[in-house]
Amino acid sequence: MHLVNFQVLERDGKPPLPHEGGWKDTAALEFDQSVTVIMRFDGYRGRYLLHCHNLEHEDHDMMARFDVV
C-alpha cells in the first residue's frame, strides 16, 4: 500500500509473527499466504495504489487503484 501504513492482524488465520507487530508499509508473503491488515485513511482523500513488489507481477500490471472519498 502506498501513502498509508498498516498493522498486520492475522497471517494465514493465525496471530501475526513477532516481527510483524507495529506499523508497517510492506508485508512479505510466500505463495498461497495471506495477511489481514487494518489501516486508517485520515490524511489524504484521493487515489491510493496497492501492488506487489514481485518483478513479474509489476511487469504484468498486477496492481490495484482505489479512491478514498
Protein backbone atom coordinates (compact mmCIF):
# COMPACT_ATOMS: atom_id res chain seq x y z
CA MET A 1 0.00 0.00 0.00
CA HIS A 2 1.37 3.40 -0.91
CA LEU A 3 0.90 6.54 1.22
CA VAL A 4 -0.52 4.76 4.29
CA ASN A 5 0.88 2.39 6.91
CA PHE A 6 -0.98 -0.63 8.25
CA GLN A 7 -0.95 -3.18 11.04
CA VAL A 8 -0.99 -6.93 10.42
CA LEU A 9 -3.92 -8.51 12.28
CA GLU A 10 -3.56 -12.11 11.07
CA ARG A 11 -1.26 -14.24 8.96
CA ASP A 12 -3.00 -17.26 7.40
CA GLY A 13 -5.76 -17.04 10.02
CA LYS A 14 -3.30 -17.04 12.96
CA PRO A 15 -1.74 -14.24 15.01
CA PRO A 16 0.96 -12.28 13.17
CA LEU A 17 4.61 -13.20 13.56
CA PRO A 18 6.53 -11.46 16.37
CA HIS A 19 8.35 -9.11 13.99
CA GLU A 20 5.05 -8.05 12.38
CA GLY A 21 3.96 -6.00 15.38
CA GLY A 22 3.57 -2.25 14.98
CA TRP A 23 3.04 -0.14 11.89
CA LYS A 24 4.22 -1.49 8.54
CA ASP A 25 4.45 -0.37 4.92
CA THR A 26 5.10 -3.82 3.41
CA ALA A 27 4.25 -7.44 4.21
CA ALA A 28 6.31 -10.35 2.86
CA LEU A 29 4.16 -13.19 1.51
CA GLU A 30 5.13 -16.52 0.03
CA PHE A 31 2.98 -18.40 -2.48
CA ASP A 32 -0.52 -19.12 -1.10
CA GLN A 33 -0.09 -17.00 2.05
CA SER A 34 -2.38 -14.22 3.15
CA VAL A 35 -2.46 -11.45 5.72
CA THR A 36 -5.32 -9.47 7.16
CA VAL A 37 -4.42 -5.83 7.72
CA ILE A 38 -6.04 -2.71 9.10
CA MET A 39 -5.27 0.84 8.01
CA ARG A 40 -6.62 4.32 8.50
CA PHE A 41 -7.16 6.80 5.68
CA ASP A 42 -7.25 10.07 7.59
CA GLY A 43 -4.65 12.31 5.99
CA TYR A 44 -5.48 12.23 2.32
CA ARG A 45 -8.59 11.81 0.21
CA GLY A 46 -7.87 10.59 -3.26
CA ARG A 47 -6.22 7.74 -5.14
CA TYR A 48 -4.17 5.02 -3.48
CA LEU A 49 -2.10 2.32 -5.14
CA LEU A 50 -1.71 -1.27 -3.96
CA HIS A 51 0.72 -3.62 -5.68
CA CYS A 52 3.15 -6.46 -5.34
CA HIS A 53 6.90 -5.86 -5.45
CA ASN A 54 7.49 -9.16 -7.23
CA LEU A 55 9.04 -8.03 -10.52
CA GLU A 56 6.99 -10.48 -12.58
CA HIS A 57 3.80 -9.10 -11.08
CA GLU A 58 4.86 -5.50 -11.62
CA ASP A 59 5.73 -6.28 -15.24
CA HIS A 60 2.22 -7.64 -15.83
CA ASP A 61 0.41 -4.69 -14.25
CA MET A 62 -0.80 -6.64 -11.21
CA MET A 63 -1.79 -3.52 -9.35
CA ALA A 64 -4.94 -2.06 -7.91
CA ARG A 65 -6.02 1.54 -7.50
CA PHE A 66 -8.82 2.73 -5.29
CA ASP A 67 -10.25 6.08 -4.30
CA VAL A 68 -10.90 7.33 -0.78
CA VAL A 69 -13.65 9.95 -0.79
